[in-house]
């Protein structure tokens, strides 16, 4: 799908395409694409995702935690999960990424995708996403590390409360983990 998207961008727009390989990927494996698509294809060397995102007009790809940064930087996201039929798998594999669906355009057809690419789109707003960002990533905290630590402790207490309410003990948890 991504090759088809890149081909469309190169043939029907004046945009350049910038690819930011996953940190665990070998960047050299993308050089063949550069040979094929030419100068309008950039393989990003940015270490900091936020720096790369800040230079982008739109972000297109499968659901990624990187889209949180895009939301914070007000860069529109077009998520290909519906178009590639991986929404169910994404929800099973990484349920936290379903928040991304709140702030991303989710085209269902290639025509809808190309329309989003060609149009000047704004970031998709979500009250749920905004509240999560406000309470966890943005704010005037005297001690941001303490805020994160307190949040983690709160979540731990909630998990412990759940175990107590359900009657599951540590030994039961160990047995469940071995099944």
Foldseek 3Di string as FASTA:
>chain_A
DVVVVQVCCLVPHPAAAEAEDDPPDDLVVCVVVCVVSDDSYHHDPDPDLLVVLLPDQEAEEAQDPSVLSNVVSFRAYAHACLCVVCPVVCCVVPVVSVVVVQWHHYDNHVVVVVVVVPDRDTTRDDPVSVVCCVQQPDDDDPDNVVSVVVVVVVVVVVVVVVCVVVVHDPVNVVVVVVD
